[in-house]
Protein backbone atom coordinates (compact mmCIF):
# COMPACT_ATOMS: atom_id res chain seq x y z
CA UNK A 1 -12.71 26.44 17.26
CA UNK A 2 -15.40 27.49 19.65
CA UNK A 3 -17.43 23.75 20.35
CA UNK A 4 -20.73 26.33 19.64
CA UNK A 5 -18.96 27.03 16.26
CA UNK A 6 -21.75 25.70 13.51
CA UNK A 7 -20.25 22.55 11.82
CA UNK A 8 -20.20 23.73 8.89
CA UNK A 9 -17.24 26.68 9.27
CA UNK A 10 -15.09 24.21 10.89
CA UNK A 11 -12.44 22.16 8.62
CA UNK A 12 -12.43 19.23 6.34
CA UNK A 13 -9.23 17.05 8.86
CA UNK A 14 -7.36 15.52 6.29
CA UNK A 15 -5.02 12.86 8.32
CA UNK A 16 -2.02 12.38 5.52
CA UNK A 17 -0.04 14.22 3.42
CA UNK A 18 0.82 11.98 1.27
CA UNK A 19 -0.18 11.43 -2.46
CA UNK A 20 -4.07 11.14 -1.51
CA UNK A 21 -4.24 13.03 1.40
CA UNK A 22 -3.16 15.97 -0.02
CA UNK A 23 -5.12 15.39 -3.52
CA UNK A 24 -8.05 15.20 -0.94
CA UNK A 25 -6.58 18.58 -0.12
CA UNK A 26 -6.78 19.86 -3.29
CA UNK A 27 -10.13 18.79 -4.48
CA UNK A 28 -11.88 20.52 -1.40
CA UNK A 29 -10.04 23.55 -2.00
CA UNK A 30 -11.21 23.46 -5.45
CA UNK A 31 -15.11 23.26 -4.32
CA UNK A 32 -14.40 25.99 -1.97
CA UNK A 33 -14.28 23.70 1.21
CA UNK A 34 -11.20 24.36 3.87
CA UNK A 35 -8.61 21.25 3.88
CA UNK A 36 -6.39 20.59 7.49
CA UNK A 37 -3.86 18.39 6.77
CA UNK A 38 -2.11 16.58 9.99
CA UNK A 39 0.79 14.94 8.84
CA UNK A 40 2.96 13.09 10.95
CA UNK A 41 6.24 13.58 9.40
CA UNK A 42 8.30 16.90 9.67
CA UNK A 43 7.06 17.14 5.68
CA UNK A 44 5.13 16.33 2.97
CA UNK A 45 4.50 12.75 1.52
CA UNK A 46 7.39 11.70 4.89
CA UNK A 47 6.32 7.60 3.77
CA UNK A 48 7.06 7.90 -0.06
CA UNK A 49 10.20 9.01 0.49
CA UNK A 50 11.29 6.15 2.80
CA UNK A 51 11.25 4.41 -0.30
CA UNK A 52 12.36 7.36 -2.72
CA UNK A 53 15.13 4.71 -4.52
CA UNK A 54 12.13 2.68 -5.43
CA UNK A 55 10.78 3.96 -9.22
CA UNK A 56 6.84 3.91 -9.62
CA UNK A 57 5.63 1.37 -12.02
CA UNK A 58 2.92 4.34 -13.28
CA UNK A 59 4.67 7.51 -15.26
CA UNK A 60 4.21 10.92 -14.01
CA UNK A 61 1.15 11.53 -16.54
CA UNK A 62 -0.22 8.24 -14.21
CA UNK A 63 0.33 10.02 -10.69
CA UNK A 64 -0.34 13.49 -10.61
CA UNK A 65 -3.99 14.56 -9.63
CA UNK A 66 -5.37 17.04 -11.73
CA UNK A 67 -7.18 19.64 -8.97
CA UNK A 68 -3.11 19.75 -7.82
CA UNK A 69 -1.73 20.32 -11.47
CA UNK A 70 -4.68 23.35 -11.36
CA UNK A 71 -3.49 24.17 -7.69
CA UNK A 72 -0.18 24.59 -8.76
CA UNK A 73 0.01 26.18 -12.54
CA UNK A 74 -0.61 29.41 -11.53
CA UNK A 75 2.63 28.82 -9.22
CA UNK A 76 4.69 28.14 -12.89
CA UNK A 77 4.94 24.53 -11.50
CA UNK A 78 5.09 22.75 -14.65
CA UNK A 79 4.68 18.55 -14.68
CA UNK A 80 7.63 16.83 -15.72
CA UNK A 81 7.61 14.08 -18.61
CA UNK A 82 4.52 12.46 -18.47
CA UNK A 83 5.96 9.34 -20.08
CA UNK A 84 8.68 9.44 -18.14
CA UNK A 85 8.49 6.93 -14.54
CA UNK A 86 9.45 8.95 -11.07
CA UNK A 87 11.42 7.87 -8.66
CA UNK A 88 9.44 8.14 -4.43
CA UNK A 89 12.07 10.45 -4.16
CA UNK A 90 11.13 12.12 -7.88
CA UNK A 91 7.65 11.84 -6.67
CA UNK A 92 7.85 13.67 -3.36
CA UNK A 93 10.37 16.66 -4.29
CA UNK A 94 9.12 17.82 -7.80
CA UNK A 95 5.75 17.30 -7.17
CA UNK A 96 3.98 16.57 -3.68
CA UNK A 97 6.30 18.58 -1.51
CA UNK A 98 5.45 22.02 -4.19
CA UNK A 99 2.02 21.29 -3.39
CA UNK A 100 1.85 20.87 0.47
CA UNK A 101 3.65 24.48 -0.39
CA UNK A 102 0.82 25.76 -2.03
CA UNK A 103 -1.53 25.22 0.41
CA UNK A 104 0.15 26.73 3.09
CA UNK A 105 -0.71 26.83 6.18
CA UNK A 106 -3.45 24.68 5.35
CA UNK A 107 -0.95 21.73 5.84
CA UNK A 108 0.77 21.01 9.38
CA UNK A 109 3.67 18.74 10.09
CA UNK A 110 4.39 17.18 13.43
CA UNK A 111 1.21 16.52 14.62
CA UNK A 112 0.11 12.67 15.20
CA UNK A 113 -3.12 11.86 15.00
CA UNK A 114 -4.23 9.85 18.20
CA UNK A 115 -7.97 9.76 18.79
CA UNK A 116 -10.89 10.71 16.48
CA UNK A 117 -14.59 10.93 17.92
CA UNK A 118 -17.78 12.61 18.11
CA UNK A 119 -17.97 15.85 20.12
CA UNK A 120 -19.02 14.18 23.39
CA UNK A 121 -19.91 11.15 22.10
CA UNK A 122 -18.23 7.63 22.00
CA UNK A 123 -19.45 4.84 19.23
CA UNK A 124 -22.45 4.24 21.91
CA UNK A 125 -24.51 6.84 21.71
CA UNK A 126 -26.83 7.86 19.11
CA UNK A 127 -28.98 10.68 20.73
CA UNK A 128 -28.26 14.30 17.96
CA UNK A 129 -24.87 12.01 16.91
CA UNK A 130 -25.35 13.58 13.63
CA UNK A 131 -25.50 16.77 14.68
CA UNK A 132 -21.97 17.35 16.45
CA UNK A 133 -18.53 17.90 15.12
CA UNK A 134 -15.96 15.17 14.38
CA UNK A 135 -12.97 15.58 17.28
CA UNK A 136 -9.64 14.92 16.32
CA UNK A 137 -7.20 14.17 19.45
CA UNK A 138 -3.75 14.89 18.44
CA UNK A 139 -0.53 15.03 19.80
CA UNK A 140 2.93 17.55 18.68
CA UNK A 141 6.51 16.66 18.95
CA UNK A 142 7.14 18.90 21.83
CA UNK A 143 4.77 16.98 23.76
CA UNK A 144 1.77 19.12 24.08
CA UNK A 145 -1.15 17.87 23.02
CA UNK A 146 -4.30 19.18 20.88
CA UNK A 147 -8.11 18.73 19.99
CA UNK A 148 -9.08 19.74 17.01
CA UNK A 149 -12.79 20.08 15.76
CA UNK A 150 -13.47 18.85 12.01
CA UNK A 151 -16.83 18.74 10.13
CA UNK A 152 -15.73 15.46 8.69
CA UNK A 153 -12.58 13.41 7.83
CA UNK A 154 -10.92 12.14 5.50
CA UNK A 155 -8.36 9.18 7.03
CA UNK A 156 -5.79 9.23 3.96
CA UNK A 157 -2.83 7.60 6.81
CA UNK A 158 -1.95 5.08 4.32
CA UNK A 159 -0.48 1.17 5.78
CA UNK A 160 3.06 1.83 5.27
CA UNK A 161 3.83 1.93 8.78
CA UNK A 162 2.32 -1.79 9.59
CA UNK A 163 3.59 -3.69 7.37
CA UNK A 164 3.06 -7.59 7.64
CA UNK A 165 4.67 -10.08 9.59
CA UNK A 166 6.12 -12.72 8.15
CA UNK A 167 4.01 -15.36 10.47
CA UNK A 168 1.63 -17.28 7.74
CA UNK A 169 -1.08 -17.14 9.82
CA UNK A 170 -0.77 -12.73 10.10
CA UNK A 171 0.93 -13.02 13.48
CA UNK A 172 4.64 -12.62 13.92
CA UNK A 173 6.03 -15.66 13.42
CA UNK A 174 7.73 -17.36 16.53
CA UNK A 175 11.24 -16.04 16.90
CA UNK A 176 10.33 -13.08 14.70
CA UNK A 177 10.50 -9.88 16.91
CA UNK A 178 14.15 -11.57 18.40
CA UNK A 179 15.99 -11.66 15.19
CA UNK A 180 14.18 -8.02 14.05
CA UNK A 181 17.96 -7.09 13.64
CA UNK A 182 18.19 -9.34 11.03
CA UNK A 183 14.77 -8.74 9.55
CA UNK A 184 13.79 -6.00 7.25
CA UNK A 185 10.02 -5.05 5.65
CA UNK A 186 11.19 -2.55 3.00
CA UNK A 187 13.02 -3.11 -0.50
CA UNK A 188 16.33 -2.50 0.54
CA UNK A 189 18.41 0.57 -1.40
CA UNK A 190 21.46 -0.80 -2.36
CA UNK A 191 22.61 2.46 -3.50
CA UNK A 192 23.20 3.16 0.43
CA UNK A 193 26.74 1.88 0.40
CA UNK A 194 25.90 0.27 3.63
CA UNK A 195 22.54 -1.14 2.85
CA UNK A 196 24.69 -3.28 -0.25
CA UNK A 197 27.16 -4.13 2.26
CA UNK A 198 24.21 -5.38 4.23
CA UNK A 199 22.99 -7.85 1.30
CA UNK A 200 26.31 -8.27 -1.09
CA UNK A 201 28.04 -11.47 -0.98
CA UNK A 202 25.10 -12.88 1.28
CA UNK A 203 22.45 -15.36 1.01
CA UNK A 204 18.87 -13.39 1.75
CA UNK A 205 15.11 -14.61 1.66
CA UNK A 206 12.51 -12.41 0.51
CA UNK A 207 9.00 -13.54 1.71
CA UNK A 208 5.93 -12.37 -0.76
CA UNK A 209 4.72 -12.35 -4.28
CA UNK A 210 3.72 -9.00 -5.03
CA UNK A 211 5.02 -6.11 -6.90
CA UNK A 212 7.26 -5.50 -3.72
CA UNK A 213 9.10 -8.56 -3.54
CA UNK A 214 9.94 -8.85 -7.20
CA UNK A 215 12.07 -5.19 -6.75
CA UNK A 216 14.11 -6.68 -4.25
CA UNK A 217 14.47 -9.62 -6.31
CA UNK A 218 15.17 -7.90 -9.09
CA UNK A 219 17.80 -5.66 -7.29
CA UNK A 220 19.35 -8.58 -5.26
CA UNK A 221 19.83 -9.94 -8.72
CA UNK A 222 21.68 -7.11 -9.50
CA UNK A 223 23.48 -7.46 -6.75
CA UNK A 224 25.15 -10.57 -7.68
CA UNK A 225 26.35 -9.71 -10.75
CA UNK A 226 28.99 -7.71 -8.83
CA UNK A 227 29.45 -9.30 -5.09
CA UNK A 228 29.75 -12.80 -5.92
CA UNK A 229 27.83 -15.30 -3.14
CA UNK A 230 25.02 -13.17 -3.07
CA UNK A 231 22.09 -15.20 -3.50
CA UNK A 232 18.29 -14.94 -2.83
CA UNK A 233 15.84 -17.32 -2.15
CA UNK A 234 12.59 -16.14 -2.61
CA UNK A 235 9.59 -17.58 -0.13
CA UNK A 236 5.82 -17.71 -1.74
CA UNK A 237 3.01 -19.07 0.24
CA UNK A 238 1.28 -20.47 -3.35
CA UNK A 239 3.00 -22.19 -5.88
CA UNK A 240 4.55 -20.95 -8.77
CA UNK A 241 2.04 -20.79 -11.94
CA UNK A 242 1.88 -18.55 -15.22
CA UNK A 243 -0.01 -15.66 -13.14
CA UNK A 244 3.14 -15.61 -9.87
CA UNK A 245 5.45 -13.24 -12.19
CA UNK A 246 1.87 -10.70 -12.55
CA UNK A 247 0.81 -9.60 -16.78
CA UNK A 248 4.31 -9.58 -17.85
CA UNK A 249 3.64 -8.04 -21.39
CA UNK A 250 0.13 -8.45 -21.33
CA UNK A 251 0.04 -5.36 -18.43
CA UNK A 252 -1.47 -1.79 -19.61
CA UNK A 253 0.98 -0.42 -17.19
CA UNK A 254 4.11 -1.98 -19.10
CA UNK A 255 6.52 -1.15 -15.99
CA UNK A 256 4.15 -3.04 -13.86
CA UNK A 257 4.51 -6.03 -15.65
CA UNK A 258 8.67 -5.75 -16.99
CA UNK A 259 8.83 -6.03 -12.81
CA UNK A 260 7.36 -9.38 -12.80
CA UNK A 261 9.33 -10.40 -15.46
CA UNK A 262 12.44 -9.49 -13.74
CA UNK A 263 11.40 -11.55 -10.33
CA UNK A 264 11.12 -14.29 -13.09
CA UNK A 265 14.38 -13.55 -15.01
CA UNK A 266 16.49 -13.81 -11.32
CA UNK A 267 14.73 -17.11 -10.80
CA UNK A 268 15.43 -18.40 -14.33
CA UNK A 269 18.90 -16.94 -14.44
CA UNK A 270 20.25 -18.94 -10.95
CA UNK A 271 20.48 -15.70 -8.80
CA UNK A 272 17.33 -16.85 -6.53
CA UNK A 273 15.72 -20.20 -5.91
CA UNK A 274 12.23 -19.97 -5.14
CA UNK A 275 10.57 -21.60 -2.34
CA UNK A 276 6.57 -22.64 -2.34
CA UNK A 277 3.77 -23.61 -0.17
CA UNK A 278 5.78 -22.70 2.64
CA UNK A 279 4.50 -20.57 5.34
CA UNK A 280 6.60 -18.75 8.08
CA UNK A 281 5.92 -20.14 11.64
CA UNK A 282 9.27 -19.48 13.06
CA UNK A 283 12.47 -18.04 12.68
CA UNK A 284 15.00 -19.49 14.12
CA UNK A 285 18.29 -17.58 15.55
CA UNK A 286 21.89 -20.07 15.05
CA UNK A 287 25.67 -19.66 14.90
CA UNK A 288 24.73 -20.28 10.89
CA UNK A 289 22.24 -17.71 10.28
CA UNK A 290 18.65 -17.80 10.63
CA UNK A 291 16.39 -21.06 9.69
CA UNK A 292 12.70 -20.53 8.92
CA UNK A 293 10.08 -23.06 9.80
CA UNK A 294 7.11 -24.15 7.44
CA UNK A 295 3.88 -24.48 9.58
CA UNK A 296 4.54 -28.15 7.70
CA UNK A 297 7.78 -28.68 9.89
CA UNK A 298 9.81 -28.10 6.85
CA UNK A 299 13.66 -25.72 8.01
CA UNK A 300 14.80 -23.89 5.12
CA UNK A 301 18.70 -23.62 5.00
CA UNK A 302 19.78 -21.05 6.91
CA UNK A 303 20.21 -17.62 4.92
CA UNK A 304 22.31 -14.16 6.67
CA UNK A 305 18.63 -11.99 6.62
CA UNK A 306 14.79 -12.03 5.59
CA UNK A 307 12.97 -9.67 3.40
CA UNK A 308 9.87 -9.56 4.15
CA UNK A 309 6.99 -8.09 1.81
CA UNK A 310 4.22 -9.83 2.89
CA UNK A 311 1.84 -6.70 2.57
CA UNK A 312 0.54 -3.99 4.74
CA UNK A 313 -2.88 -3.95 6.63
CA UNK A 314 -4.60 -0.60 8.11
CA UNK A 315 -3.20 0.92 11.88
CA UNK A 316 -7.24 1.68 12.86
CA UNK A 317 -6.63 1.72 16.36
CA UNK A 318 -7.26 5.33 16.72
CA UNK A 319 -10.44 5.68 14.60
CA UNK A 320 -12.20 2.94 17.32
CA UNK A 321 -14.48 5.18 18.69
CA UNK A 322 -16.47 6.11 14.79
CA UNK A 323 -19.26 3.23 13.85
CA UNK A 324 -17.19 2.04 10.74
CA UNK A 325 -18.19 -1.23 8.14
CA UNK A 326 -15.41 -2.62 7.36
CA UNK A 327 -15.19 -6.50 6.42
CA UNK A 328 -14.18 -8.49 8.90
CA UNK A 329 -11.16 -10.28 6.46
CA UNK A 330 -9.60 -7.35 4.69
CA UNK A 331 -11.23 -4.53 7.10
CA UNK A 332 -11.86 -1.99 3.91
CA UNK A 333 -15.24 -0.37 3.83
CA UNK A 334 -17.95 -3.27 2.93
CA UNK A 335 -18.98 -1.59 -0.31
CA UNK A 336 -15.48 -1.17 -1.40
CA UNK A 337 -13.98 -5.15 0.17
CA UNK A 338 -15.69 -7.30 -2.79
CA UNK A 339 -14.15 -5.34 -5.68
CA UNK A 340 -11.06 -6.12 -4.13
CA UNK A 341 -10.65 -8.94 -2.75
CA UNK A 342 -8.05 -11.68 -3.18
CA UNK A 343 -10.06 -14.90 -2.01
CA UNK A 344 -11.55 -14.05 -5.34
CA UNK A 345 -9.53 -12.57 -7.99
CA UNK A 346 -6.13 -11.32 -8.45
CA UNK A 347 -6.72 -8.23 -10.51
CA UNK A 348 -4.62 -5.54 -10.35
CA UNK A 349 -7.35 -2.78 -10.64
CA UNK A 350 -11.34 -2.45 -9.45
CA UNK A 351 -13.84 -0.02 -11.01
CA UNK A 352 -13.61 3.61 -10.68
CA UNK A 353 -15.36 4.29 -7.55
CA UNK A 354 -16.08 7.21 -5.22
CA UNK A 355 -18.08 7.86 -1.89
CA UNK A 356 -21.08 5.64 -2.62
CA UNK A 357 -18.93 2.81 -1.90
CA UNK A 358 -16.48 4.09 0.87
CA UNK A 359 -18.93 6.03 3.05
CA UNK A 360 -19.79 4.41 6.68
CA UNK A 361 -22.90 4.19 9.44
CA UNK A 362 -20.79 7.05 10.92
CA UNK A 363 -21.76 9.83 7.66
CA UNK A 364 -18.46 12.03 6.58
CA UNK A 365 -16.17 10.10 7.50
CA UNK A 366 -13.91 8.38 5.03
CA UNK A 367 -10.99 5.86 4.65
CA UNK A 368 -9.14 6.98 1.66
CA UNK A 369 -6.15 5.79 -0.32
CA UNK A 370 -3.76 2.44 0.51
CA UNK A 371 -6.15 2.70 3.82
CA UNK A 372 -9.09 2.14 2.09
CA UNK A 373 -8.28 -1.67 0.61
CA UNK A 374 -7.54 -2.34 4.09
CA UNK A 375 -5.20 -5.55 3.92
CA UNK A 376 -5.92 -5.93 0.11
CA UNK A 377 -3.01 -5.09 -2.66
CA UNK A 378 -2.62 -3.61 -6.08
CA UNK A 379 -3.75 -0.35 -5.66
CA UNK A 380 -3.27 2.38 -7.40
CA UNK A 381 -2.57 6.49 -6.88
CA UNK A 382 -5.31 7.06 -9.76
CA UNK A 383 -8.15 5.24 -7.84
CA UNK A 384 -7.29 6.98 -5.02
CA UNK A 385 -7.26 10.18 -6.90
CA UNK A 386 -11.10 9.69 -7.94
CA UNK A 387 -12.10 8.43 -4.80
CA UNK A 388 -11.42 11.88 -3.20
CA UNK A 389 -12.47 13.59 -6.57
CA UNK A 390 -16.41 12.26 -4.95
CA UNK A 391 -15.93 12.72 -1.44
CA UNK A 392 -14.81 16.43 -1.94
CA UNK A 393 -18.18 16.85 -4.78
CA UNK A 394 -20.49 15.01 -1.88
CA UNK A 395 -19.42 17.24 0.91
CA UNK A 396 -20.27 19.99 -0.98
CA UNK A 397 -23.57 18.68 -1.89
CA UNK A 398 -23.34 18.11 -5.81
CA UNK A 399 -24.19 14.66 -5.16
CA UNK A 400 -23.77 13.90 -9.29
CA UNK A 401 -20.46 15.11 -9.47
CA UNK A 402 -19.63 12.63 -6.99
CA UNK A 403 -21.60 9.47 -8.35
CA UNK A 404 -20.50 10.60 -11.97
CA UNK A 405 -17.47 8.38 -12.37
CA UNK A 406 -14.26 10.19 -14.23
CA UNK A 407 -11.49 7.80 -14.47
CA UNK A 408 -10.60 4.41 -16.42
CA UNK A 409 -7.82 2.54 -15.10
CA UNK A 410 -5.57 -0.18 -16.63
CA UNK A 411 -5.73 -3.89 -16.53
CA UNK A 412 -2.93 -6.10 -15.09
CA UNK A 413 -3.61 -8.94 -17.90
CA UNK A 414 -3.81 -11.37 -15.11
CA UNK A 415 -7.31 -11.12 -13.77
CA UNK A 416 -9.21 -14.39 -12.60
CA UNK A 417 -9.23 -16.39 -9.76
CA UNK A 418 -6.56 -16.41 -7.71
CA UNK A 419 -7.26 -17.00 -4.38
CA UNK A 420 -4.66 -17.21 -1.14
CA UNK A 421 -4.40 -20.89 -0.85
CA UNK A 422 -3.90 -22.94 -3.64
CA UNK A 423 -6.65 -24.72 -5.25
CA UNK A 424 -5.26 -27.70 -7.41
CA UNK A 425 -9.11 -28.03 -8.87
CA UNK A 426 -9.40 -24.48 -9.79
CA UNK A 427 -6.17 -24.16 -12.24
CA UNK A 428 -6.80 -27.14 -13.63
CA UNK A 429 -10.36 -26.07 -14.60
CA UNK A 430 -8.38 -23.32 -15.90
CA UNK A 431 -6.56 -24.88 -18.06
CA UNK A 432 -3.28 -24.82 -16.09
CA UNK A 433 -1.36 -26.99 -13.47
CA UNK A 434 0.05 -24.42 -11.81
CA UNK A 435 -0.86 -26.14 -8.31
CA UNK A 436 1.80 -28.80 -7.41
CA UNK A 437 2.65 -29.74 -4.35
CA UNK A 438 4.99 -27.71 -1.90
CA UNK A 439 8.47 -27.94 -2.86
CA UNK A 440 11.96 -25.71 -3.69
CA UNK A 441 12.15 -24.88 -7.70
CA UNK A 442 15.14 -24.10 -9.22
CA UNK A 443 13.14 -22.82 -13.11
CA UNK A 444 14.94 -23.30 -15.71
CA UNK A 445 15.60 -20.69 -18.67
CA UNK A 446 12.58 -21.62 -21.36
CA UNK A 447 10.51 -23.39 -18.29
CA UNK A 448 6.72 -23.90 -19.68
CA UNK A 449 4.84 -20.92 -18.47
CA UNK A 450 1.09 -22.15 -16.66
CA UNK A 451 -1.66 -20.00 -18.77
CA UNK A 452 -3.58 -20.90 -14.88
CA UNK A 453 -4.25 -18.94 -11.83
CA UNK A 454 -4.46 -20.16 -8.33
């Protein structure tokens, strides 16, 4: 489209054809606005398909966006049983790809966004800035480049492509890159024969303390029943506490609570050891396997494989010419960051939010979905659906709807003062002595659970 075209005649570019990006397109369409979804992969939900073997802890009723469902209904699409839990593969095949198909040529595949700016304005220039359309630079799979003009930009690209490293300081541990062939940053698909053979009978370190780590531990514990010699070493940067395994039965998403209980069972039944208070500084490759070295000098016994599940971080390189207001710790929007900061609390939810919390000094650009959380964990699809509903309303000029809350989120059962480092004083004041000195633990069946959170 010509650079002289009115900005209002331009599409809203949505980056990423995942769950939140496609929901954004559905809400924009419902508002009479033109979306253009740019997806780097060859089909919708390319990232979701990479963890197609993992079952969601949210039911179908919680992962289908209302505006998307209305768009799908005329095609004869019927939502799967709302009380059942899809896998990532189910979600992609039975909902996300059909939604992308309904959107038709509003979704383009094989398009990698390489930069976003204002037409003729780098981030320094003030003059007439807000009157200029956005310019989105893209590279196609065949190598040719293109510039697309947009009235607004919604970045729903997620964080899947940028997992956190093993290093406790946020940088790759020394030797981590050279040992890359023995390190994975994904939950393994142990139903795949090749992957199963990789871990069967092996000693595997699982680094991380979230839902992905819980899932990996549970899968490895199941494998251990069939493949003697299979054992996991669970490496945590904090100590074991009552909140380590999540909300359990108190979680309003029962399947999420069950993940933590499954991880606890793996340790309780001797299929995994827990190494606490350990922050990796180096990975040494030896004839016996990989040795993880801690910042305190501790050296763990060799392992055959390492699975690093230490969270994700946003790729902000291609939005560097935009004026974004991001928290210096989480790399999340400033208004949102205090609500999700794991230094302050361990809640798996945040009150529903939208355009107000997601706005930046650069008008009409938004980071949404998992990317809006920056480095914070515990994002729910329902949160993203509410975000894009609000943003679409704002872009359509309906401020009342944009600022209205239309969602109630489930609680985790583990809210309150977790912190990223062990804080013995805080644990004592919460009634739990959970912050013991770093140790390697074999947690026996029936071990008492602390009520504190640290």
